[in-house]
C-alpha atoms as a PDB file:
ATOM      1  CA  MET A   1     -28.606 -33.802 -21.242  1.00  0.00           C
ATOM      2  CA  LEU A   2     -32.324 -34.386 -20.707  1.00  0.00           C
ATOM      3  CA  LEU A   3     -31.847 -34.779 -16.970  1.00  0.00           C
ATOM      4  CA  GLU A   4     -29.925 -31.493 -16.927  1.00  0.00           C
ATOM      5  CA  PHE A   5     -32.838 -29.686 -18.585  1.00  0.00           C
ATOM      6  CA  ILE A   6     -35.362 -31.248 -16.210  1.00  0.00           C
ATOM      7  CA  ILE A   7     -33.292 -30.119 -13.224  1.00  0.00           C
ATOM      8  CA  LEU A   8     -32.984 -26.631 -14.760  1.00  0.00           C
ATOM      9  CA  GLU A   9     -36.747 -26.347 -15.219  1.00  0.00           C
ATOM     10  CA  PHE A  10     -37.347 -27.665 -11.711  1.00  0.00           C
ATOM     11  CA  VAL A  11     -35.042 -24.988 -10.249  1.00  0.00           C
ATOM     12  CA  LEU A  12     -36.741 -22.295 -12.341  1.00  0.00           C
ATOM     13  CA  ILE A  13     -40.190 -23.458 -11.218  1.00  0.00           C
ATOM     14  CA  ILE A  14     -38.996 -23.294  -7.613  1.00  0.00           C
ATOM     15  CA  ALA A  15     -37.765 -19.738  -8.266  1.00  0.00           C
ATOM     16  CA  ALA A  16     -41.118 -18.800  -9.794  1.00  0.00           C
ATOM     17  CA  GLY A  17     -43.073 -20.526  -7.026  1.00  0.00           C
ATOM     18  CA  THR A  18     -41.218 -18.764  -4.252  1.00  0.00           C
ATOM     19  CA  GLY A  19     -41.998 -15.431  -5.881  1.00  0.00           C
ATOM     20  CA  PHE A  20     -45.663 -16.414  -5.967  1.00  0.00           C
ATOM     21  CA  LEU A  21     -45.969 -17.648  -2.421  1.00  0.00           C
ATOM     22  CA  TRP A  22     -43.462 -15.857  -0.212  1.00  0.00           C
ATOM     23  CA  GLY A  23     -43.694 -12.261  -1.378  1.00  0.00           C
ATOM     24  CA  ALA A  24     -40.472 -10.301  -0.788  1.00  0.00           C
ATOM     25  CA  LYS A  25     -38.612 -13.306   0.649  1.00  0.00           C
ATOM     26  CA  GLY A  26     -39.629 -15.310  -2.398  1.00  0.00           C
ATOM     27  CA  ILE A  27     -38.453 -12.638  -4.808  1.00  0.00           C
ATOM     28  CA  ILE A  28     -35.051 -12.592  -3.119  1.00  0.00           C
ATOM     29  CA  THR A  29     -34.931 -16.412  -3.105  1.00  0.00           C
ATOM     30  CA  GLY A  30     -35.813 -16.487  -6.805  1.00  0.00           C
ATOM     31  CA  ALA A  31     -33.080 -13.956  -7.533  1.00  0.00           C
ATOM     32  CA  VAL A  32     -30.558 -16.080  -5.615  1.00  0.00           C
ATOM     33  CA  LEU A  33     -31.576 -19.230  -7.522  1.00  0.00           C
ATOM     34  CA  VAL A  34     -31.383 -17.551 -10.933  1.00  0.00           C
ATOM     35  CA  SER A  35     -28.073 -15.930  -9.921  1.00  0.00           C
ATOM     36  CA  ALA A  36     -26.752 -19.388  -9.040  1.00  0.00           C
ATOM     37  CA  LEU A  37     -27.719 -20.546 -12.541  1.00  0.00           C
ATOM     38  CA  ASN A  38     -25.921 -17.490 -13.914  1.00  0.00           C
ATOM     39  CA  ILE A  39     -22.765 -18.406 -11.977  1.00  0.00           C
ATOM     40  CA  PHE A  40     -23.036 -22.015 -13.162  1.00  0.00           C
ATOM     41  CA  GLN A  41     -23.489 -21.020 -16.806  1.00  0.00           C
ATOM     42  CA  ASN A  42     -21.283 -17.908 -17.198  1.00  0.00           C
ATOM     43  CA  TYR A  43     -18.551 -18.407 -14.602  1.00  0.00           C
ATOM     44  CA  PHE A  44     -15.668 -17.970 -17.068  1.00  0.00           C
ATOM     45  CA  LEU A  45     -17.401 -15.369 -19.275  1.00  0.00           C
ATOM     46  CA  VAL A  46     -16.941 -12.271 -17.134  1.00  0.00           C
ATOM     47  CA  ASN A  47     -18.757  -9.775 -19.391  1.00  0.00           C
ATOM     48  CA  GLU A  48     -21.758 -12.032 -19.897  1.00  0.00           C
ATOM     49  CA  PHE A  49     -21.885 -12.865 -16.200  1.00  0.00           C
ATOM     50  CA  TRP A  50     -22.109  -9.223 -15.122  1.00  0.00           C
ATOM     51  CA  LEU A  51     -24.604  -8.340 -17.876  1.00  0.00           C
ATOM     52  CA  TRP A  52     -26.973 -11.083 -16.721  1.00  0.00           C
ATOM     53  CA  GLN A  53     -26.339 -10.341 -13.057  1.00  0.00           C
ATOM     54  CA  ILE A  54     -27.361  -6.699 -13.569  1.00  0.00           C
ATOM     55  CA  ILE A  55     -30.529  -7.859 -15.350  1.00  0.00           C
ATOM     56  CA  ILE A  56     -31.345 -10.317 -12.534  1.00  0.00           C
ATOM     57  CA  VAL A  57     -30.747  -7.779  -9.753  1.00  0.00           C
ATOM     58  CA  GLY A  58     -32.709  -5.068 -11.593  1.00  0.00           C
ATOM     59  CA  TYR A  59     -35.619  -7.443 -12.132  1.00  0.00           C
ATOM     60  CA  ALA A  60     -35.568  -8.406  -8.446  1.00  0.00           C
ATOM     61  CA  VAL A  61     -35.520  -4.750  -7.332  1.00  0.00           C
ATOM     62  CA  LEU A  62     -38.434  -3.953  -9.659  1.00  0.00           C
ATOM     63  CA  GLY A  63     -40.317  -6.953  -8.262  1.00  0.00           C
ATOM     64  CA  LEU A  64     -39.650  -5.877  -4.669  1.00  0.00           C
ATOM     65  CA  MET A  65     -40.970  -2.372  -5.384  1.00  0.00           C
ATOM     66  CA  MET A  66     -44.117  -3.684  -7.089  1.00  0.00           C
ATOM     67  CA  ASN A  67     -44.651  -6.236  -4.312  1.00  0.00           C
ATOM     68  CA  TYR A  68     -44.379  -3.491  -1.678  1.00  0.00           C
ATOM     69  CA  PHE A  69     -46.885  -1.361  -3.612  1.00  0.00           C
ATOM     70  CA  PHE A  70     -49.447  -4.166  -3.871  1.00  0.00           C
ATOM     71  CA  ASN A  71     -48.944  -5.395  -0.295  1.00  0.00           C
ATOM     72  CA  LYS A  72     -49.540  -1.879   0.962  1.00  0.00           C
ATOM     73  CA  ARG A  73     -52.919  -1.828  -0.785  1.00  0.00           C
ATOM     74  CA  THR A  74     -54.013  -5.339   0.210  1.00  0.00           C
ATOM     75  CA  ASP A  75     -53.895  -6.378   3.823  1.00  0.00           C
ATOM     76  CA  GLU A  76     -55.580  -9.765   3.542  1.00  0.00           C
ATOM     77  CA  LEU A  77     -53.503 -12.020   1.302  1.00  0.00           C
ATOM     78  CA  ARG A  78     -55.102 -15.400   2.000  1.00  0.00           C
ATOM     79  CA  LEU A  79     -56.931 -15.506  -1.329  1.00  0.00           C
ATOM     80  CA  VAL A  80     -53.824 -14.439  -3.211  1.00  0.00           C
ATOM     81  CA  LYS A  81     -51.728 -17.151  -1.549  1.00  0.00           C
ATOM     82  CA  VAL A  82     -54.298 -19.889  -2.219  1.00  0.00           C
ATOM     83  CA  THR A  83     -54.634 -18.950  -5.869  1.00  0.00           C
ATOM     84  CA  ALA A  84     -50.905 -18.455  -6.314  1.00  0.00           C
ATOM     85  CA  GLY A  85     -50.177 -21.788  -4.663  1.00  0.00           C
ATOM     86  CA  SER A  86     -52.567 -23.550  -6.975  1.00  0.00           C
ATOM     87  CA  ALA A  87     -50.954 -21.891  -9.993  1.00  0.00           C
ATOM     88  CA  VAL A  88     -47.522 -23.060  -8.839  1.00  0.00           C
ATOM     89  CA  SER A  89     -48.885 -26.583  -8.496  1.00  0.00           C
ATOM     90  CA  VAL A  90     -50.116 -26.368 -12.105  1.00  0.00           C
ATOM     91  CA  LEU A  91     -46.621 -25.328 -13.205  1.00  0.00           C
ATOM     92  CA  ALA A  92     -45.040 -28.159 -11.224  1.00  0.00           C
ATOM     93  CA  TRP A  93     -47.461 -30.727 -12.640  1.00  0.00           C
ATOM     94  CA  SER A  94     -46.706 -29.565 -16.188  1.00  0.00           C
ATOM     95  CA  ILE A  95     -43.213 -31.049 -15.881  1.00  0.00           C
ATOM     96  CA  PHE A  96     -44.589 -34.553 -15.444  1.00  0.00           C
ATOM     97  CA  MET A  97     -48.024 -34.268 -17.023  1.00  0.00           C
ATOM     98  CA  PRO A  98     -49.278 -32.716 -20.276  1.00  0.00           C
ATOM     99  CA  ILE A  99     -50.418 -29.114 -19.890  1.00  0.00           C
ATOM    100  CA  ILE A 100     -54.037 -29.558 -21.032  1.00  0.00           C
ATOM    101  CA  PRO A 101     -55.038 -32.129 -18.359  1.00  0.00           C
ATOM    102  CA  GLY A 102     -53.163 -30.068 -15.758  1.00  0.00           C
ATOM    103  CA  LEU A 103     -55.102 -26.932 -16.691  1.00  0.00           C
ATOM    104  CA  LEU A 104     -58.382 -28.832 -16.644  1.00  0.00           C
ATOM    105  CA  ILE A 105     -57.675 -30.188 -13.157  1.00  0.00           C
ATOM    106  CA  TRP A 106     -56.704 -26.700 -11.945  1.00  0.00           C
ATOM    107  CA  ALA A 107     -59.838 -25.167 -13.468  1.00  0.00           C
ATOM    108  CA  LEU A 108     -62.032 -27.797 -11.828  1.00  0.00           C
ATOM    109  CA  PHE A 109     -60.640 -27.460  -8.304  1.00  0.00           C
ATOM    110  CA  ILE A 110     -59.478 -23.827  -8.119  1.00  0.00           C
ATOM    111  CA  GLY A 111     -60.900 -21.903 -11.057  1.00  0.00           C
ATOM    112  CA  MET A 112     -64.547 -22.810 -10.522  1.00  0.00           C
ATOM    113  CA  PRO A 113     -64.700 -21.674  -6.864  1.00  0.00           C
ATOM    114  CA  LEU A 114     -62.992 -18.410  -7.817  1.00  0.00           C
ATOM    115  CA  LEU A 115     -65.432 -17.903 -10.668  1.00  0.00           C
ATOM    116  CA  PHE A 116     -68.440 -18.052  -8.360  1.00  0.00           C
ATOM    117  CA  THR A 117     -66.950 -15.679  -5.761  1.00  0.00           C
ATOM    118  CA  TYR A 118     -65.351 -13.106  -8.081  1.00  0.00           C
ATOM    119  CA  ARG A 119     -67.885 -10.368  -7.236  1.00  0.00           C
ATOM    120  CA  ASN A 120     -66.838 -10.429  -3.578  1.00  0.00           C
ATOM    121  CA  ILE A 121     -63.146  -9.978  -4.434  1.00  0.00           C
ATOM    122  CA  PRO A 122     -61.742  -6.428  -4.778  1.00  0.00           C
ATOM    123  CA  GLY A 123     -59.997  -5.588  -8.040  1.00  0.00           C
ATOM    124  CA  VAL A 124     -56.646  -4.972  -6.369  1.00  0.00           C
ATOM    125  CA  PHE A 125     -56.429  -8.706  -5.577  1.00  0.00           C
ATOM    126  CA  TYR A 126     -56.676  -9.480  -9.285  1.00  0.00           C
ATOM    127  CA  ALA A 127     -53.989  -6.893 -10.012  1.00  0.00           C
ATOM    128  CA  GLN A 128     -51.702  -8.517  -7.455  1.00  0.00           C
ATOM    129  CA  LEU A 129     -52.343 -11.990  -8.890  1.00  0.00           C
ATOM    130  CA  ILE A 130     -51.598 -10.770 -12.405  1.00  0.00           C
ATOM    131  CA  PHE A 131     -48.389  -9.116 -11.172  1.00  0.00           C
ATOM    132  CA  LYS A 132     -47.277 -12.291  -9.379  1.00  0.00           C
ATOM    133  CA  PHE A 133     -48.010 -14.408 -12.449  1.00  0.00           C
ATOM    134  CA  ILE A 134     -46.155 -12.080 -14.822  1.00  0.00           C
ATOM    135  CA  PHE A 135     -43.235 -11.663 -12.435  1.00  0.00           C
ATOM    136  CA  SER A 136     -42.870 -15.408 -11.852  1.00  0.00           C
ATOM    137  CA  THR A 137     -43.100 -16.091 -15.564  1.00  0.00           C
ATOM    138  CA  GLY A 138     -40.288 -13.570 -15.968  1.00  0.00           C
ATOM    139  CA  TRP A 139     -38.001 -15.724 -13.804  1.00  0.00           C
ATOM    140  CA  LEU A 140     -38.754 -18.674 -16.091  1.00  0.00           C
ATOM    141  CA  ILE A 141     -38.017 -16.618 -19.206  1.00  0.00           C
ATOM    142  CA  ILE A 142     -34.781 -15.117 -17.837  1.00  0.00           C
ATOM    143  CA  GLY A 143     -33.559 -18.531 -16.687  1.00  0.00           C
ATOM    144  CA  ASN A 144     -34.314 -20.216 -20.008  1.00  0.00           C
ATOM    145  CA  ILE A 145     -32.649 -17.452 -22.043  1.00  0.00           C
ATOM    146  CA  LEU A 146     -29.678 -17.517 -19.690  1.00  0.00           C
ATOM    147  CA  TYR A 147     -29.186 -21.247 -20.128  1.00  0.00           C
END
C-alpha cells in the first residue's frame, strides 16, 4: 500500500514537473498521466470516470490557453525554465527528504540569486512563474482527490 502511494506521488510529480518545464507539451503530458490514473482508478465506474475526465480535459484546456497567453508576452523563457526546474527538483526531493531542509537547500542555491536580480526581471516573468506553480499544484491536487 505504501509503495502504491509513493508511485502515485511520483507520477503526479512527473505530471506537475512536465507542466513546469515543457510548456504546452508538458500540459498535455500531465493531462495524459492524470487521465491514465483516472482510467486505473475509475475503469468500472463509468459516471465517475467521465466526470473526472471532463475535469481533467477542462483543466488542461484552461492551462493551454493561459500558457499561450503568457508565452505570447514573454519571448525569453530561460529564467522561467531555470526557476521552474529548481522548483520541480524541490518537489521531487520532498518525497525522500523532509520539506524544511529541501526548502532551505532550494533557497540557498536558487532563491538567493533570484533575490539579488529581481529588479532586472520584468513582472510578467513572475506572473508566468506563479501561473506555472499554481497550475502544476493543481495536477497534484486533482490526482490526489481522484485517488
